Amino acid sequence: METSLGELVSIDTKPIVEDELTKKMMPKARQLAAMLKEAKARGRYILLRFHHDADGISGAFALSEVLRFFSAQQNSAVYSVKDAIRDLNNISYEEKPLVVLLDFGMNKESLEGLKLLKAAGVGLILIDHHPPSDEATGIADFFLTPWEFAEGKDASRYVAGYLASEVAREMGASTDRCGTYAKIACTGDKSTVLEAGDRERKSALVLDYLAAHSGYGNNLRFYKSVLENSELFDSIYLQADEKIDEAADKVMRTMKERKMGDVSIYVLDLEKAVKKGEFPNRSKIASKVFERLKRDTPLVVFGAGEQTVIMRINDAAHAKGIVAGSIAQKILEIMPDFAESGGGHGKAGAIRVKKGFVGAVVEEIVKMIGMI
């Protein structure tokens, strides 16, 4: 764990993103900024747990510009009982402690762990862009999620790292620096809310690669040092890009094209290319294959894992009304015995499926596309 502290600067009240949803979210972002400022002024012990990807790490970078905290990497989307007990054993109780979970923990699977924090009198803040559970948000002292202000197909695009960057900016951090962190977060999660440059795209891949090889407790200082070391940064980027290319090559050797009208559909067998806990993950392989298949005509790529269906949709298919987030929600409605959870935005999404039923879910989606 580490302590991170940045200097406050004069507040620039102009948001990083200026659109209707941001306008709706900003009052809550300002509330959260005020809460964190007060916690800092009182000297409260703050533990920030960030998800182990470019989105979570970038959000932690932004908050470190203006806030002192102990940080810990979270290698799971679930805040488990084990996680809670470990945190309760490590935190200081001299001043009422505060735990901030960034980019995870707003799901029902985390509820038991969250309850233990509350039972111990620990303050709890959740910042996340994944579909929230009412039980989880209900137990938190404060939560920030775009799902409170937008339809599901749009909400997830406003990623956690971006939300944290807006909060940090409201606390006094530089808009330019927070904007950079927000762009890394967005490109890391394939969000179109902000357009990233080449350096931000490379930074997101480097952070994802590092996080995939790091365990619990990896600190932000290490990640920052890599981003600032140009030789090491370039070496890691090349390794990461090469790993994705190798996995994509393997998947593309067995894939076949299917046609539904003028829509080209490819189903990828990702299990042959993915090793559990190693880089790259299923999402990155699916995205790489999708990029290679780039075309102007409608294209849909499904990445099929043991319990996951990943969707990638191009502009032409999206223009026809093929929307990943809507497909995920429809599958959850019509196949509740097979599909466990899912979501996404216009052109990217994922569905978690019970073992043995991925093929059935993919076929149902193909039928849905044929009816659009």
Protein backbone atom coordinates (compact mmCIF):
# COMPACT_ATOMS: atom_id res chain seq x y z
CA MET A 1 0.00 0.00 0.00
CA GLU A 2 1.04 3.61 -0.44
CA THR A 3 0.25 7.14 0.51
CA SER A 4 -0.40 9.51 -2.37
CA LEU A 5 -0.85 13.27 -2.13
CA GLY A 6 -1.20 15.96 -4.76
CA GLU A 7 -1.28 19.72 -4.42
CA LEU A 8 -4.61 21.50 -4.73
CA VAL A 9 -4.88 24.03 -7.52
CA SER A 10 -7.49 26.64 -8.34
CA ILE A 11 -10.72 24.91 -9.36
CA ASP A 12 -11.72 24.97 -13.02
CA THR A 13 -15.48 24.43 -12.96
CA LYS A 14 -15.69 23.37 -16.61
CA PRO A 15 -16.30 19.59 -16.80
CA ILE A 16 -14.04 17.32 -18.80
CA VAL A 17 -17.06 16.19 -20.82
CA GLU A 18 -19.85 18.61 -21.60
CA ASP A 19 -23.06 16.80 -22.50
CA GLU A 20 -26.53 16.32 -21.06
CA LEU A 21 -25.72 13.26 -18.97
CA THR A 22 -22.67 14.92 -17.44
CA LYS A 23 -24.80 17.91 -16.49
CA LYS A 24 -27.17 15.56 -14.66
CA MET A 25 -24.33 13.79 -12.86
CA MET A 26 -22.29 16.83 -11.83
CA PRO A 27 -24.32 17.77 -8.73
CA LYS A 28 -23.61 14.33 -7.24
CA ALA A 29 -19.97 14.52 -8.33
CA ARG A 30 -19.70 17.85 -6.49
CA GLN A 31 -21.33 16.32 -3.41
CA LEU A 32 -18.77 13.53 -3.44
CA ALA A 33 -15.92 16.01 -3.92
CA ALA A 34 -17.14 17.94 -0.87
CA MET A 35 -17.33 14.72 1.19
CA LEU A 36 -13.78 13.75 0.27
CA LYS A 37 -12.49 17.25 0.99
CA GLU A 38 -14.05 17.09 4.44
CA ALA A 39 -12.58 13.63 5.04
CA LYS A 40 -9.16 14.96 4.08
CA ALA A 41 -9.51 18.01 6.33
CA ARG A 42 -10.45 15.79 9.27
CA GLY A 43 -7.53 13.46 8.67
CA ARG A 44 -9.71 10.41 8.20
CA TYR A 45 -8.02 7.17 7.21
CA ILE A 46 -9.02 6.48 3.59
CA LEU A 47 -8.54 3.19 1.78
CA LEU A 48 -9.03 3.29 -1.99
CA ARG A 49 -9.49 -0.05 -3.67
CA PHE A 50 -9.26 0.23 -7.47
CA HIS A 51 -10.11 -2.41 -10.07
CA HIS A 52 -7.12 -3.96 -11.83
CA ASP A 53 -7.44 -2.40 -15.26
CA ALA A 54 -6.71 0.88 -17.03
CA ASP A 55 -10.11 2.27 -16.01
CA GLY A 56 -9.69 1.67 -12.29
CA ILE A 57 -6.02 2.62 -12.20
CA SER A 58 -6.61 5.88 -14.11
CA GLY A 59 -9.38 6.89 -11.73
CA ALA A 60 -7.06 6.24 -8.79
CA PHE A 61 -4.39 8.38 -10.48
CA ALA A 62 -6.85 11.27 -10.73
CA LEU A 63 -7.91 11.07 -7.08
CA SER A 64 -4.26 10.85 -6.00
CA GLU A 65 -3.78 14.36 -7.39
CA VAL A 66 -5.84 15.84 -4.55
CA LEU A 67 -6.34 13.22 -1.87
CA ARG A 68 -4.23 11.29 0.62
CA PHE A 69 -5.14 7.61 0.82
CA PHE A 70 -3.84 4.09 1.11
CA SER A 71 -4.37 2.19 -2.13
CA ALA A 72 -4.90 -1.47 -2.94
CA GLN A 73 -5.51 -3.19 -6.24
CA GLN A 74 -8.64 -5.34 -6.60
CA ASN A 75 -8.33 -8.31 -8.95
CA SER A 76 -12.01 -9.19 -8.90
CA ALA A 77 -15.27 -7.46 -9.76
CA VAL A 78 -16.67 -8.71 -6.44
CA TYR A 79 -15.87 -7.30 -3.01
CA SER A 80 -15.89 -10.56 -1.08
CA VAL A 81 -16.12 -11.36 2.61
CA LYS A 82 -12.42 -12.24 2.44
CA ASP A 83 -11.66 -8.79 1.02
CA ALA A 84 -13.68 -7.09 3.74
CA ILE A 85 -12.02 -9.03 6.57
CA ARG A 86 -8.58 -8.26 5.17
CA ASP A 87 -9.44 -4.55 5.01
CA LEU A 88 -10.94 -4.50 8.49
CA ASN A 89 -7.74 -6.06 9.79
CA ASN A 90 -5.52 -3.45 8.11
CA ILE A 91 -7.31 -0.11 8.40
CA SER A 92 -6.81 2.42 11.17
CA TYR A 93 -9.73 3.22 13.48
CA GLU A 94 -8.34 6.36 15.12
CA GLU A 95 -10.69 8.53 13.04
CA LYS A 96 -13.73 6.92 11.46
CA PRO A 97 -12.17 5.14 8.45
CA LEU A 98 -13.47 5.48 4.91
CA VAL A 99 -13.31 2.85 2.16
CA VAL A 100 -13.72 3.90 -1.47
CA LEU A 101 -14.35 1.15 -4.04
CA LEU A 102 -13.56 2.26 -7.59
CA ASP A 103 -14.80 0.47 -10.73
CA PHE A 104 -16.24 -2.55 -8.90
CA GLY A 105 -18.33 -3.57 -5.90
CA MET A 106 -21.72 -2.12 -6.84
CA ASN A 107 -23.11 -5.59 -7.63
CA LYS A 108 -25.25 -7.87 -5.50
CA GLU A 109 -22.40 -10.39 -5.27
CA SER A 110 -20.47 -7.85 -3.15
CA LEU A 111 -23.27 -7.31 -0.65
CA GLU A 112 -21.97 -9.58 2.13
CA GLY A 113 -18.55 -7.92 2.08
CA LEU A 114 -20.10 -4.44 2.09
CA LYS A 115 -22.30 -5.36 5.05
CA LEU A 116 -19.23 -6.27 7.11
CA LEU A 117 -17.72 -2.82 6.50
CA LYS A 118 -20.91 -1.14 7.62
CA ALA A 119 -21.22 -3.35 10.69
CA ALA A 120 -17.71 -2.23 11.70
CA GLY A 121 -18.68 1.44 11.41
CA VAL A 122 -16.61 2.06 8.29
CA GLY A 123 -17.72 4.78 5.86
CA LEU A 124 -18.37 3.42 2.35
CA ILE A 125 -18.26 5.17 -1.04
CA LEU A 126 -18.89 3.38 -4.34
CA ILE A 127 -17.85 4.78 -7.75
CA ASP A 128 -18.74 2.45 -10.60
CA HIS A 129 -20.21 2.30 -14.11
CA HIS A 130 -21.30 -1.33 -14.14
CA PRO A 131 -25.01 -2.16 -13.68
CA PRO A 132 -25.72 -1.38 -10.01
CA SER A 133 -27.57 -3.42 -7.43
CA ASP A 134 -30.11 -1.51 -5.33
CA GLU A 135 -28.98 -3.50 -2.29
CA ALA A 136 -25.35 -2.45 -2.76
CA THR A 137 -26.08 1.22 -3.40
CA GLY A 138 -28.54 1.22 -0.52
CA ILE A 139 -25.89 0.18 1.99
CA ALA A 140 -23.30 2.76 0.85
CA ASP A 141 -22.89 6.16 2.51
CA PHE A 142 -22.56 7.62 -0.98
CA PHE A 143 -22.46 6.24 -4.50
CA LEU A 144 -21.81 7.68 -7.94
CA THR A 145 -23.08 5.82 -10.99
CA PRO A 146 -24.25 6.98 -14.43
CA TRP A 147 -27.04 4.40 -14.24
CA GLU A 148 -28.89 6.77 -11.92
CA PHE A 149 -29.18 9.30 -14.74
CA ALA A 150 -29.23 7.39 -18.06
CA GLU A 151 -30.75 4.48 -19.91
CA GLY A 152 -28.75 1.29 -19.63
CA LYS A 153 -27.41 1.32 -23.19
CA ASP A 154 -25.76 4.71 -22.58
CA ALA A 155 -24.78 4.55 -18.92
CA SER A 156 -21.80 2.20 -19.00
CA ARG A 157 -19.91 4.44 -21.43
CA TYR A 158 -19.28 6.89 -18.58
CA VAL A 159 -16.59 4.73 -17.04
CA ALA A 160 -15.45 4.79 -13.42
CA GLY A 161 -12.08 6.37 -14.21
CA TYR A 162 -13.85 9.22 -15.96
CA LEU A 163 -16.23 9.70 -13.00
CA ALA A 164 -13.30 9.77 -10.56
CA SER A 165 -11.52 12.28 -12.80
CA GLU A 166 -14.49 14.64 -12.68
CA VAL A 167 -14.60 14.32 -8.88
CA ALA A 168 -10.87 15.05 -8.65
CA ARG A 169 -11.29 18.08 -10.90
CA GLU A 170 -14.07 19.35 -8.62
CA MET A 171 -11.68 18.95 -5.69
CA GLY A 172 -9.14 21.20 -7.40
CA ALA A 173 -7.04 18.96 -9.63
CA SER A 174 -5.91 20.18 -13.03
CA THR A 175 -8.53 19.72 -15.72
CA ASP A 176 -5.82 18.83 -18.24
CA ARG A 177 -4.31 16.09 -16.05
CA CYS A 178 -7.71 14.71 -15.10
CA GLY A 179 -8.71 14.83 -18.76
CA THR A 180 -5.69 12.69 -19.64
CA TYR A 181 -6.57 10.14 -16.96
CA ALA A 182 -10.19 10.12 -18.14
CA LYS A 183 -9.10 9.46 -21.73
CA ILE A 184 -6.93 6.53 -20.63
CA ALA A 185 -9.87 5.14 -18.65
CA CYS A 186 -12.27 5.51 -21.58
CA THR A 187 -10.00 3.93 -24.17
CA GLY A 188 -9.21 1.11 -21.75
CA ASP A 189 -12.90 0.24 -21.52
CA LYS A 190 -13.70 0.96 -25.20
CA SER A 191 -15.82 3.97 -24.30
CA THR A 192 -16.55 6.68 -26.86
CA VAL A 193 -17.25 9.40 -24.28
CA LEU A 194 -13.78 10.85 -24.87
CA GLU A 195 -11.52 10.52 -27.89
CA ALA A 196 -8.08 9.32 -26.87
CA GLY A 197 -4.80 10.05 -28.62
CA ASP A 198 -2.08 7.54 -29.42
CA ARG A 199 -0.29 8.03 -26.09
CA GLU A 200 -3.49 7.47 -24.06
CA ARG A 201 -4.32 4.32 -26.06
CA LYS A 202 -0.83 2.93 -25.48
CA SER A 203 -0.99 3.87 -21.78
CA ALA A 204 -4.26 1.98 -21.36
CA LEU A 205 -2.77 -1.16 -22.88
CA VAL A 206 0.39 -0.88 -20.77
CA LEU A 207 -1.65 -0.49 -17.58
CA ASP A 208 -3.87 -3.44 -18.45
CA TYR A 209 -0.82 -5.58 -19.16
CA LEU A 210 0.86 -4.62 -15.89
CA ALA A 211 -2.32 -5.12 -13.86
CA ALA A 212 -2.86 -8.59 -15.33
CA HIS A 213 0.54 -9.62 -13.96
CA SER A 214 0.17 -7.94 -10.58
CA GLY A 215 -1.38 -9.29 -7.41
CA TYR A 216 -3.23 -7.73 -4.50
CA GLY A 217 -1.64 -4.61 -3.08
CA ASN A 218 0.14 -3.40 -6.19
CA ASN A 219 0.55 0.34 -5.69
CA LEU A 220 0.02 3.36 -7.86
CA ARG A 221 3.60 4.55 -7.56
CA PHE A 222 4.77 1.56 -9.57
CA TYR A 223 2.25 2.17 -12.34
CA LYS A 224 3.17 5.84 -12.54
CA SER A 225 6.87 5.05 -12.67
CA VAL A 226 6.32 2.82 -15.71
CA LEU A 227 4.34 5.50 -17.55
CA GLU A 228 7.17 7.95 -16.91
CA ASN A 229 9.98 5.60 -18.04
CA SER A 230 9.86 5.80 -21.85
CA GLU A 231 12.15 2.83 -22.50
CA LEU A 232 10.29 0.50 -20.14
CA PHE A 233 6.93 1.84 -21.34
CA ASP A 234 7.76 1.08 -24.99
CA SER A 235 9.06 -2.38 -24.15
CA ILE A 236 5.93 -3.31 -22.20
CA TYR A 237 3.66 -1.89 -24.90
CA LEU A 238 5.34 -3.99 -27.60
CA GLN A 239 5.08 -7.13 -25.45
CA ALA A 240 1.40 -6.52 -24.75
CA ASP A 241 0.55 -5.80 -28.38
CA GLU A 242 2.43 -8.90 -29.50
CA LYS A 243 0.55 -11.09 -27.01
CA ILE A 244 -2.81 -9.84 -28.31
CA ASP A 245 -1.75 -10.39 -31.93
CA GLU A 246 -0.69 -13.96 -31.17
CA ALA A 247 -4.03 -14.73 -29.48
CA ALA A 248 -6.00 -13.10 -32.31
CA ASP A 249 -4.07 -15.13 -34.90
CA LYS A 250 -4.99 -18.33 -33.08
CA VAL A 251 -8.70 -17.45 -32.89
CA MET A 252 -8.98 -16.29 -36.51
CA ARG A 253 -7.65 -19.60 -37.86
CA THR A 254 -10.88 -21.37 -36.83
CA MET A 255 -13.55 -18.67 -37.20
CA LYS A 256 -16.13 -18.71 -39.99
CA GLU A 257 -18.40 -16.04 -41.43
CA ARG A 258 -22.19 -16.29 -41.18
CA LYS A 259 -24.61 -14.03 -42.99
CA MET A 260 -27.96 -12.68 -41.84
CA GLY A 261 -29.10 -10.52 -44.73
CA ASP A 262 -26.34 -7.99 -45.27
CA VAL A 263 -24.88 -8.49 -41.77
CA SER A 264 -21.63 -10.44 -41.46
CA ILE A 265 -21.40 -12.39 -38.19
CA TYR A 266 -18.29 -14.05 -36.77
CA VAL A 267 -18.28 -16.26 -33.66
CA LEU A 268 -14.88 -16.60 -31.97
CA ASP A 269 -13.91 -19.56 -29.80
CA LEU A 270 -11.99 -17.60 -27.17
CA GLU A 271 -11.33 -20.49 -24.81
CA LYS A 272 -8.63 -21.80 -27.14
CA ALA A 273 -6.67 -18.57 -26.84
CA VAL A 274 -7.25 -17.53 -23.21
CA LYS A 275 -5.38 -18.72 -20.16
CA LYS A 276 -7.10 -17.95 -16.88
CA GLY A 277 -5.53 -15.03 -15.04
CA GLU A 278 -3.12 -14.22 -17.88
CA PHE A 279 -2.94 -11.49 -20.49
CA PRO A 280 -4.76 -10.91 -22.82
CA ASN A 281 -8.30 -11.45 -21.62
CA ARG A 282 -11.28 -12.42 -23.78
CA SER A 283 -12.39 -8.85 -24.32
CA LYS A 284 -9.05 -7.73 -25.75
CA ILE A 285 -8.86 -10.69 -28.13
CA ALA A 286 -12.39 -10.06 -29.38
CA SER A 287 -11.60 -6.37 -29.88
CA LYS A 288 -8.40 -7.13 -31.82
CA VAL A 289 -10.18 -9.53 -34.19
CA PHE A 290 -12.97 -6.99 -34.62
CA GLU A 291 -10.42 -4.32 -35.56
CA ARG A 292 -8.81 -6.62 -38.12
CA LEU A 293 -12.20 -7.34 -39.74
CA LYS A 294 -12.86 -3.64 -40.21
CA ARG A 295 -15.32 -2.93 -43.04
CA ASP A 296 -18.00 -0.47 -44.13
CA THR A 297 -20.78 -3.07 -44.33
CA PRO A 298 -22.61 -4.31 -41.19
CA LEU A 299 -20.37 -6.45 -38.97
CA VAL A 300 -21.00 -8.22 -35.65
CA VAL A 301 -18.37 -10.22 -33.76
CA PHE A 302 -19.23 -12.55 -30.88
CA GLY A 303 -16.48 -13.75 -28.57
CA ALA A 304 -17.63 -17.00 -26.96
CA GLY A 305 -16.04 -18.05 -23.70
CA GLU A 306 -16.97 -20.78 -21.25
CA GLN A 307 -19.50 -18.51 -19.52
CA THR A 308 -19.28 -15.29 -21.52
CA VAL A 309 -20.58 -13.84 -24.76
CA ILE A 310 -18.71 -10.66 -25.80
CA MET A 311 -20.25 -8.44 -28.48
CA ARG A 312 -18.55 -6.02 -30.86
CA ILE A 313 -20.67 -4.11 -33.40
CA ASN A 314 -19.47 -1.74 -36.14
CA ASP A 315 -21.03 1.57 -37.19
CA ALA A 316 -22.97 0.11 -40.12
CA ALA A 317 -24.55 -2.61 -37.98
CA HIS A 318 -25.33 -0.11 -35.22
CA ALA A 319 -27.03 2.15 -37.78
CA LYS A 320 -29.35 -0.77 -38.63
CA GLY A 321 -30.49 -0.89 -35.00
CA ILE A 322 -28.18 -3.63 -33.73
CA VAL A 323 -27.33 -2.33 -30.25
CA ALA A 324 -25.19 -4.38 -27.85
CA GLY A 325 -26.74 -3.04 -24.65
CA SER A 326 -30.27 -3.63 -25.91
CA ILE A 327 -29.39 -7.17 -27.03
CA ALA A 328 -27.95 -7.97 -23.59
CA GLN A 329 -31.07 -6.70 -21.83
CA LYS A 330 -33.36 -8.62 -24.19
CA ILE A 331 -31.45 -11.86 -23.65
CA LEU A 332 -31.75 -11.42 -19.87
CA GLU A 333 -35.51 -11.03 -20.29
CA ILE A 334 -36.18 -13.95 -22.63
CA MET A 335 -33.51 -16.41 -21.35
CA PRO A 336 -33.48 -15.91 -17.56
CA ASP A 337 -32.59 -19.57 -16.96
CA PHE A 338 -29.47 -19.31 -19.10
CA ALA A 339 -28.24 -15.69 -18.89
CA GLU A 340 -27.10 -14.47 -15.47
CA SER A 341 -26.10 -10.84 -16.09
CA GLY A 342 -25.09 -8.52 -18.87
CA GLY A 343 -25.01 -5.04 -20.30
CA GLY A 344 -23.09 -2.66 -22.51
CA HIS A 345 -23.52 0.35 -24.73
CA GLY A 346 -24.24 0.80 -28.43
CA LYS A 347 -21.34 -1.05 -30.00
CA ALA A 348 -19.87 -3.22 -27.24
CA GLY A 349 -21.32 -5.41 -24.52
CA ALA A 350 -21.13 -8.73 -22.73
CA ILE A 351 -23.43 -11.35 -21.25
CA ARG A 352 -22.53 -13.80 -18.48
CA VAL A 353 -24.06 -17.21 -19.18
CA LYS A 354 -24.40 -20.43 -17.22
CA LYS A 355 -21.97 -23.17 -18.19
CA GLY A 356 -23.09 -25.15 -21.22
CA PHE A 357 -25.46 -22.53 -22.62
CA VAL A 358 -23.18 -20.07 -24.42
CA GLY A 359 -23.98 -21.63 -27.81
CA ALA A 360 -27.73 -21.35 -27.21
CA VAL A 361 -27.42 -17.68 -26.26
CA VAL A 362 -25.33 -16.89 -29.34
CA GLU A 363 -27.88 -18.60 -31.61
CA GLU A 364 -30.71 -16.61 -30.04
CA ILE A 365 -28.84 -13.37 -30.64
CA VAL A 366 -28.21 -14.36 -34.26
CA LYS A 367 -31.95 -14.89 -34.67
CA MET A 368 -32.61 -11.48 -33.14
CA ILE A 369 -30.21 -9.86 -35.62
CA GLY A 370 -31.99 -11.60 -38.49
CA MET A 371 -35.27 -9.97 -37.41
CA ILE A 372 -33.87 -6.42 -37.26
